[in-house]
């Protein structure tokens, strides 16, 4: 299991320096610790990724922020990696019957690791607040095709083929926001124009030899799919002194791309508009919030074996702040999209911690069903 898992991570790490994916598993570490909420709870450092309007909707007198972070999510709800590990163990023992059994268990299963890096520099002024941001999000999806049906086929490298399809994009944005009074309520409006460049990767490897060659993923099959421009727009309004409601629309200009995979099939990339609403109670000691996707979104990567992976998340979380030195966070994420099955319906739980050590250090972890695990760590300054 460790050999295969490290192979997937090696592939993801190899591509991360070159690009970023637009639909990430987490905004960044603080948001992830709180269930990946941010529409009405983001701080000045994290607002560019969650809701640009939050740049001008801060209780603290922070005038400058710097954020650098790295995170990853290993999604194996189907237990595919364990099947591959048992298949290879049986192959080493020349146990063809067990190999056949494990190969047939792989039929229809999907694995989808994700990796993200973030960078943001924010400035808060009397009239306008601004931020320059960049993020890297990588998704790699894999499934097994041409599954063996008898013991003669199961030892043939032409059968039980692991197909890996990956997407990597680079997103660079400039956020600007302003707050004003509307019907005696504080309101903030923000917008983030951004440039997104996209690449795709594909790789084919027999399950028998899948512990070799995964690091060749980037070298062998990179496709430059071009770039496009789009923008996010958001708003936040104070309902009471401590309760606020936010709304954000991401990728207002949509983009669809297709590319040929190394297995001869077609995969699609869809950068659709995402619409979220959020509500929060925020005081100096406690923040409680919830975000909801208002529309059901397809996975950014789809087509072939990877179709039908839809997302419509309901997320909730809280943060307890002890004297601006220690923050403790808890959250949950529930995919409420229709036609989900099995582990995809189960709740993902998150937890996080923030520390001020002369600089900010934020760490978050998440756990889903099966072998689905994620983590995010980031550092920076606010003053």
Protein backbone atom coordinates (compact mmCIF):
# COMPACT_ATOMS: atom_id res chain seq x y z
CA UNK A 1 0.00 0.00 0.00
CA UNK A 2 2.77 2.44 0.90
CA UNK A 3 4.52 1.94 -2.44
CA UNK A 4 1.42 2.77 -4.47
CA UNK A 5 0.33 5.60 -2.21
CA UNK A 6 3.77 7.19 -2.36
CA UNK A 7 3.64 6.88 -6.13
CA UNK A 8 0.45 8.90 -6.31
CA UNK A 9 1.90 11.53 -3.99
CA UNK A 10 5.11 11.63 -6.03
CA UNK A 11 3.08 12.32 -9.15
CA UNK A 12 1.14 15.09 -7.43
CA UNK A 13 4.28 16.66 -5.96
CA UNK A 14 6.00 16.54 -9.33
CA UNK A 15 3.29 18.57 -11.03
CA UNK A 16 2.53 21.04 -8.26
CA UNK A 17 5.38 23.39 -9.08
CA UNK A 18 4.06 23.87 -12.59
CA UNK A 19 0.43 24.69 -12.02
CA UNK A 20 -2.83 24.85 -9.99
CA UNK A 21 -6.41 23.50 -10.12
CA UNK A 22 -9.35 25.87 -9.77
CA UNK A 23 -11.69 23.70 -7.69
CA UNK A 24 -9.74 22.89 -4.56
CA UNK A 25 -10.50 20.57 -1.67
CA UNK A 26 -9.81 23.45 0.75
CA UNK A 27 -9.39 27.21 0.64
CA UNK A 28 -6.46 27.06 3.09
CA UNK A 29 -5.63 25.80 6.60
CA UNK A 30 -7.75 28.14 8.76
CA UNK A 31 -10.86 27.56 6.67
CA UNK A 32 -10.26 23.81 6.48
CA UNK A 33 -10.03 23.50 10.26
CA UNK A 34 -13.50 25.08 10.43
CA UNK A 35 -15.07 22.73 7.87
CA UNK A 36 -13.75 24.70 4.88
CA UNK A 37 -16.09 27.64 5.54
CA UNK A 38 -15.07 31.16 4.58
CA UNK A 39 -17.85 33.03 2.76
CA UNK A 40 -18.74 34.99 5.94
CA UNK A 41 -15.76 34.06 8.15
CA UNK A 42 -12.55 34.61 6.11
CA UNK A 43 -9.90 36.88 7.59
CA UNK A 44 -7.82 39.38 5.64
CA UNK A 45 -5.25 36.72 4.71
CA UNK A 46 -7.75 34.12 3.48
CA UNK A 47 -10.46 36.30 1.90
CA UNK A 48 -9.05 36.19 -1.67
CA UNK A 49 -9.75 32.45 -1.81
CA UNK A 50 -13.15 32.36 -0.09
CA UNK A 51 -14.89 35.71 -0.65
CA UNK A 52 -13.09 38.91 -1.73
CA UNK A 53 -15.72 41.04 0.03
CA UNK A 54 -14.38 39.81 3.39
CA UNK A 55 -11.21 41.87 2.79
CA UNK A 56 -13.17 44.93 3.96
CA UNK A 57 -15.21 43.15 6.63
CA UNK A 58 -12.74 42.62 9.46
CA UNK A 59 -13.12 43.30 13.18
CA UNK A 60 -9.38 43.46 13.78
CA UNK A 61 -7.23 46.40 12.72
CA UNK A 62 -5.04 44.33 10.41
CA UNK A 63 -3.51 46.46 7.65
CA UNK A 64 -1.19 43.88 6.09
CA UNK A 65 -1.18 40.10 5.69
CA UNK A 66 1.08 37.48 4.15
CA UNK A 67 -0.02 33.86 3.73
CA UNK A 68 1.92 30.85 2.41
CA UNK A 69 0.41 27.35 2.65
CA UNK A 70 0.51 23.75 1.42
CA UNK A 71 -2.12 21.03 1.69
CA UNK A 72 -3.16 17.68 0.29
CA UNK A 73 -6.15 15.34 0.30
CA UNK A 74 -5.92 11.61 -0.43
CA UNK A 75 -9.38 10.43 -1.52
CA UNK A 76 -9.72 6.64 -1.61
CA UNK A 77 -13.32 6.06 -0.54
CA UNK A 78 -13.43 2.78 -2.45
CA UNK A 79 -10.32 1.30 -0.80
CA UNK A 80 -8.68 0.94 -4.20
CA UNK A 81 -5.12 1.23 -2.87
CA UNK A 82 -5.61 -1.70 -0.50
CA UNK A 83 -6.88 -3.81 -3.40
CA UNK A 84 -3.79 -2.97 -5.46
CA UNK A 85 -1.53 -3.72 -2.51
CA UNK A 86 -3.15 -7.15 -1.99
CA UNK A 87 -2.99 -7.82 -5.75
CA UNK A 88 0.75 -7.18 -5.80
CA UNK A 89 1.33 -9.26 -2.66
CA UNK A 90 -0.52 -12.16 -4.30
CA UNK A 91 1.52 -11.69 -7.49
CA UNK A 92 4.75 -11.97 -5.47
CA UNK A 93 3.44 -15.22 -3.96
CA UNK A 94 2.27 -16.55 -7.38
CA UNK A 95 -1.28 -16.75 -5.99
CA UNK A 96 -3.22 -16.19 -9.22
CA UNK A 97 -6.62 -16.91 -7.66
CA UNK A 98 -6.20 -14.08 -5.16
CA UNK A 99 -4.86 -11.86 -7.92
CA UNK A 100 -8.00 -12.49 -9.96
CA UNK A 101 -10.26 -11.80 -6.99
CA UNK A 102 -8.52 -8.51 -6.19
CA UNK A 103 -8.47 -7.46 -9.85
CA UNK A 104 -12.22 -7.92 -10.11
CA UNK A 105 -12.70 -5.88 -6.92
CA UNK A 106 -10.90 -3.00 -8.64
CA UNK A 107 -13.46 -2.80 -11.42
CA UNK A 108 -15.26 0.56 -11.23
CA UNK A 109 -13.25 1.98 -8.32
CA UNK A 110 -11.71 5.46 -8.46
CA UNK A 111 -8.94 7.17 -6.50
CA UNK A 112 -8.50 10.95 -6.55
CA UNK A 113 -5.63 12.64 -4.66
CA UNK A 114 -5.53 16.45 -4.56
CA UNK A 115 -2.76 18.89 -3.70
CA UNK A 116 -2.89 22.65 -3.11
CA UNK A 117 -0.46 25.51 -2.49
CA UNK A 118 -1.51 29.07 -1.69
CA UNK A 119 0.11 32.50 -1.56
CA UNK A 120 -1.58 35.81 -0.74
CA UNK A 121 -0.46 39.32 0.17
CA UNK A 122 -3.20 41.65 1.42
CA UNK A 123 -3.45 45.37 2.23
CA UNK A 124 -6.27 47.10 4.09
CA UNK A 125 -6.86 50.84 3.63
CA UNK A 126 -9.41 53.36 4.84
CA UNK A 127 -11.44 53.16 1.62
CA UNK A 128 -10.31 50.08 -0.28
CA UNK A 129 -8.72 46.76 0.63
CA UNK A 130 -6.64 44.80 -1.88
CA UNK A 131 -4.85 41.48 -2.23
CA UNK A 132 -2.62 39.73 -4.75
CA UNK A 133 -3.02 35.96 -4.63
CA UNK A 134 -1.94 32.78 -6.35
CA UNK A 135 -2.82 29.17 -5.71
CA UNK A 136 -1.87 25.75 -6.95
CA UNK A 137 -4.43 22.94 -6.98
CA UNK A 138 -3.73 19.55 -8.55
CA UNK A 139 -6.16 16.66 -8.93
CA UNK A 140 -5.15 13.19 -10.12
CA UNK A 141 -7.83 10.56 -10.72
CA UNK A 142 -7.11 6.91 -11.35
CA UNK A 143 -9.12 3.84 -12.23
CA UNK A 144 -8.44 0.31 -13.52
CA UNK A 145 -9.62 -0.81 -16.97
CA UNK A 146 -9.43 -4.01 -19.03
CA UNK A 147 -9.92 -6.06 -15.87
CA UNK A 148 -8.87 -9.71 -16.12
CA UNK A 149 -11.62 -12.34 -16.13
CA UNK A 150 -9.50 -15.50 -15.68
CA UNK A 151 -6.20 -16.58 -14.14
CA UNK A 152 -4.45 -16.65 -17.51
CA UNK A 153 -5.20 -12.98 -18.10
CA UNK A 154 -4.40 -11.80 -14.59
CA UNK A 155 -0.63 -12.38 -15.03
CA UNK A 156 -0.62 -10.62 -18.42
CA UNK A 157 0.50 -6.93 -18.20
CA UNK A 158 -1.94 -6.16 -21.01
CA UNK A 159 -4.78 -6.59 -18.49
CA UNK A 160 -5.65 -4.73 -15.28
CA UNK A 161 -4.44 -1.36 -16.52
CA UNK A 162 -4.20 1.56 -14.12
CA UNK A 163 -5.25 4.74 -15.94
CA UNK A 164 -4.27 8.02 -14.30
CA UNK A 165 -5.67 11.33 -15.50
CA UNK A 166 -4.56 14.59 -13.91
CA UNK A 167 -5.35 18.27 -14.25
CA UNK A 168 -3.16 21.12 -13.09
CA UNK A 169 -3.87 24.82 -13.32
CA UNK A 170 -2.25 28.07 -12.24
CA UNK A 171 -4.53 30.76 -10.85
CA UNK A 172 -3.32 34.31 -10.20
CA UNK A 173 -5.75 36.97 -9.01
CA UNK A 174 -6.03 40.55 -7.82
CA UNK A 175 -8.77 41.23 -5.26
CA UNK A 176 -10.25 44.59 -4.36
CA UNK A 177 -13.11 45.41 -2.01
CA UNK A 178 -14.88 48.35 -0.41
CA UNK A 179 -17.33 48.68 2.45
CA UNK A 180 -20.20 51.17 2.78
CA UNK A 181 -23.46 51.72 4.64
CA UNK A 182 -26.77 50.43 3.30
CA UNK A 183 -29.96 50.88 5.33
CA UNK A 184 -27.81 51.47 8.42
CA UNK A 185 -26.00 48.19 7.85
CA UNK A 186 -22.37 47.65 6.98
CA UNK A 187 -22.01 46.09 3.53
CA UNK A 188 -18.87 45.10 1.65
CA UNK A 189 -18.50 44.30 -2.04
CA UNK A 190 -15.41 42.63 -3.52
CA UNK A 191 -14.20 41.30 -6.85
CA UNK A 192 -11.26 39.11 -7.93
CA UNK A 193 -10.28 39.12 -11.63
CA UNK A 194 -7.96 36.18 -12.25
CA UNK A 195 -5.96 34.41 -14.92
CA UNK A 196 -6.05 30.60 -15.01
CA UNK A 197 -3.64 28.48 -17.04
CA UNK A 198 -4.35 24.77 -17.45
CA UNK A 199 -2.35 21.65 -18.18
CA UNK A 200 -3.38 18.00 -18.23
CA UNK A 201 -1.46 14.79 -17.64
CA UNK A 202 -2.23 11.17 -18.36
CA UNK A 203 -0.50 7.91 -17.58
CA UNK A 204 -1.11 4.20 -18.15
CA UNK A 205 0.56 1.43 -16.13
CA UNK A 206 -0.19 -2.23 -15.48
CA UNK A 207 -1.27 -2.92 -11.89
CA UNK A 208 1.40 -5.62 -11.79
CA UNK A 209 4.18 -3.06 -12.28
CA UNK A 210 2.45 0.03 -10.88
CA UNK A 211 5.14 0.44 -8.24
CA UNK A 212 7.54 1.53 -10.99
CA UNK A 213 7.20 4.40 -13.39
CA UNK A 214 4.60 6.61 -11.69
CA UNK A 215 7.24 9.30 -11.29
CA UNK A 216 7.38 9.44 -15.11
CA UNK A 217 3.83 10.80 -15.19
CA UNK A 218 4.80 14.42 -15.84
CA UNK A 219 7.70 13.68 -18.17
CA UNK A 220 5.73 11.41 -20.48
CA UNK A 221 2.31 12.94 -20.94
CA UNK A 222 1.87 16.66 -20.29
CA UNK A 223 -0.58 18.62 -22.43
CA UNK A 224 -0.78 22.40 -22.35
CA UNK A 225 -4.47 23.25 -22.63
CA UNK A 226 -4.04 27.04 -22.65
CA UNK A 227 -5.41 29.70 -20.32
CA UNK A 228 -8.49 31.81 -19.71
CA UNK A 229 -9.62 34.78 -17.65
CA UNK A 230 -12.53 34.85 -15.24
CA UNK A 231 -13.52 36.58 -12.01
CA UNK A 232 -15.11 36.04 -8.59
CA UNK A 233 -17.50 38.51 -6.98
CA UNK A 234 -18.78 38.59 -3.42
CA UNK A 235 -20.76 40.54 -0.87
CA UNK A 236 -21.11 40.56 2.91
CA UNK A 237 -23.72 42.35 5.04
CA UNK A 238 -23.94 42.84 8.79
CA UNK A 239 -27.29 41.63 10.15
CA UNK A 240 -26.44 42.55 13.74
CA UNK A 241 -23.22 43.62 15.45
CA UNK A 242 -22.00 40.00 15.53
CA UNK A 243 -23.99 38.24 12.79
CA UNK A 244 -23.13 38.58 9.10
CA UNK A 245 -24.29 36.99 5.85
CA UNK A 246 -22.13 36.53 2.77
CA UNK A 247 -22.62 35.50 -0.85
CA UNK A 248 -19.94 34.69 -3.40
CA UNK A 249 -20.00 33.64 -7.05
CA UNK A 250 -16.77 32.08 -8.31
CA UNK A 251 -15.76 31.64 -11.97
CA UNK A 252 -18.35 34.03 -13.37
CA UNK A 253 -16.91 33.39 -16.83
CA UNK A 254 -17.02 29.62 -17.32
CA UNK A 255 -14.63 27.50 -19.36
CA UNK A 256 -14.77 23.92 -20.69
CA UNK A 257 -11.80 21.98 -22.02
CA UNK A 258 -11.26 18.44 -23.30
CA UNK A 259 -8.15 16.38 -23.87
CA UNK A 260 -7.20 12.90 -25.01
CA UNK A 261 -5.91 10.58 -22.33
CA UNK A 262 -3.07 8.14 -22.87
CA UNK A 263 -5.59 5.28 -22.81
CA UNK A 264 -7.31 6.70 -25.89
CA UNK A 265 -10.33 8.12 -24.09
CA UNK A 266 -11.44 11.70 -23.52
CA UNK A 267 -11.45 13.61 -20.23
CA UNK A 268 -13.21 16.90 -19.65
CA UNK A 269 -12.33 19.89 -17.49
CA UNK A 270 -15.23 22.11 -16.49
CA UNK A 271 -14.62 25.40 -14.70
CA UNK A 272 -18.24 26.14 -13.86
CA UNK A 273 -19.72 28.98 -11.83
CA UNK A 274 -19.90 28.11 -8.13
CA UNK A 275 -22.41 29.98 -5.97
CA UNK A 276 -22.08 29.88 -2.17
CA UNK A 277 -23.91 31.52 0.71
CA UNK A 278 -22.52 31.80 4.20
CA UNK A 279 -23.67 32.99 7.61
CA UNK A 280 -21.57 33.60 10.70
CA UNK A 281 -21.59 34.76 14.28
CA UNK A 282 -18.25 36.45 15.00
CA UNK A 283 -16.94 37.92 18.25
CA UNK A 284 -13.45 38.42 19.61
CA UNK A 285 -13.61 35.02 21.35
CA UNK A 286 -15.88 32.83 19.20
CA UNK A 287 -16.66 32.43 15.50
CA UNK A 288 -19.39 30.04 14.31
CA UNK A 289 -20.33 29.73 10.66
CA UNK A 290 -21.92 27.70 7.90
CA UNK A 291 -21.50 27.70 4.10
CA UNK A 292 -23.77 26.12 1.51
CA UNK A 293 -23.26 25.50 -2.21
CA UNK A 294 -26.42 26.84 -3.81
CA UNK A 295 -25.94 24.85 -7.00
CA UNK A 296 -24.70 21.32 -7.65
CA UNK A 297 -21.32 21.23 -9.39
CA UNK A 298 -19.66 18.50 -11.40
CA UNK A 299 -16.11 17.62 -10.51
CA UNK A 300 -13.61 19.78 -12.38
CA UNK A 301 -12.18 16.56 -13.83
CA UNK A 302 -14.79 14.33 -15.47
CA UNK A 303 -15.36 12.05 -18.43
CA UNK A 304 -15.02 8.30 -18.85
CA UNK A 305 -14.46 6.51 -15.53
CA UNK A 306 -14.47 9.81 -13.67
CA UNK A 307 -17.97 10.99 -14.53
CA UNK A 308 -20.66 11.45 -11.91
CA UNK A 309 -18.44 12.82 -9.14
CA UNK A 310 -20.67 15.73 -8.12
CA UNK A 311 -20.29 18.20 -5.27
CA UNK A 312 -22.77 20.33 -3.33
CA UNK A 313 -21.32 20.87 0.09
CA UNK A 314 -22.91 21.95 3.35
CA UNK A 315 -20.11 22.99 5.68
CA UNK A 316 -20.18 24.10 9.31
CA UNK A 317 -17.46 25.04 11.75
CA UNK A 318 -16.31 27.06 14.72
CA UNK A 319 -13.19 28.76 16.03
CA UNK A 320 -12.37 29.63 19.64
CA UNK A 321 -9.73 32.37 19.99
CA UNK A 322 -7.68 32.61 23.18
CA UNK A 323 -6.18 36.13 23.36
CA UNK A 324 -5.08 36.13 19.69
CA UNK A 325 -2.41 33.57 20.68
CA UNK A 326 -4.19 30.22 20.30
CA UNK A 327 -7.13 29.29 18.08
CA UNK A 328 -8.89 25.92 18.23
CA UNK A 329 -11.12 24.90 15.30
CA UNK A 330 -13.61 22.17 14.49
CA UNK A 331 -15.79 21.55 11.44
CA UNK A 332 -17.69 19.17 9.20
CA UNK A 333 -18.40 18.88 5.47
CA UNK A 334 -21.39 17.03 4.02
CA UNK A 335 -21.83 16.48 0.28
CA UNK A 336 -25.58 16.79 -0.29
CA UNK A 337 -25.48 16.35 -4.08
CA UNK A 338 -28.05 13.97 -5.48
CA UNK A 339 -27.40 10.41 -6.68
CA UNK A 340 -24.42 9.84 -4.39
CA UNK A 341 -23.72 6.35 -3.11
CA UNK A 342 -21.83 4.69 -0.30
CA UNK A 343 -19.02 6.58 1.36
CA UNK A 344 -19.55 9.70 -0.80
CA UNK A 345 -22.56 10.50 1.41
CA UNK A 346 -20.63 10.36 4.66
CA UNK A 347 -19.59 13.40 6.66
CA UNK A 348 -16.00 14.64 6.50
CA UNK A 349 -14.75 15.94 9.84
CA UNK A 350 -12.05 18.58 10.25
CA UNK A 351 -10.00 20.06 13.07
CA UNK A 352 -7.34 22.73 13.27
CA UNK A 353 -5.11 24.82 15.47
CA UNK A 354 -3.66 28.29 15.04
CA UNK A 355 -0.70 29.74 16.94
CA UNK A 356 1.00 33.12 17.13
CA UNK A 357 4.74 32.51 17.48
CA UNK A 358 5.94 35.88 16.27
CA UNK A 359 4.32 34.65 13.05
CA UNK A 360 1.09 32.77 12.33
CA UNK A 361 1.17 28.98 12.14
CA UNK A 362 -2.05 27.20 11.15
CA UNK A 363 -2.48 23.43 10.86
CA UNK A 364 -5.64 21.57 9.85
CA UNK A 365 -6.55 17.92 9.24
CA UNK A 366 -9.58 16.25 7.70
CA UNK A 367 -10.84 12.68 7.69
CA UNK A 368 -13.48 11.16 5.44
CA UNK A 369 -14.77 7.68 4.81
CA UNK A 370 -12.48 4.79 3.96
CA UNK A 371 -8.85 5.82 3.42
CA UNK A 372 -9.65 9.51 2.79
CA UNK A 373 -7.31 11.82 4.68
CA UNK A 374 -6.21 15.41 4.23
CA UNK A 375 -4.06 18.08 5.86
CA UNK A 376 -3.08 21.71 5.35
CA UNK A 377 -0.31 23.76 6.95
CA UNK A 378 0.43 27.45 6.44
CA UNK A 379 2.36 30.34 7.88
CA UNK A 380 2.34 34.11 7.52
CA UNK A 381 1.99 37.47 9.21
CA UNK A 382 -0.82 39.87 10.02
CA UNK A 383 -0.37 43.32 11.54
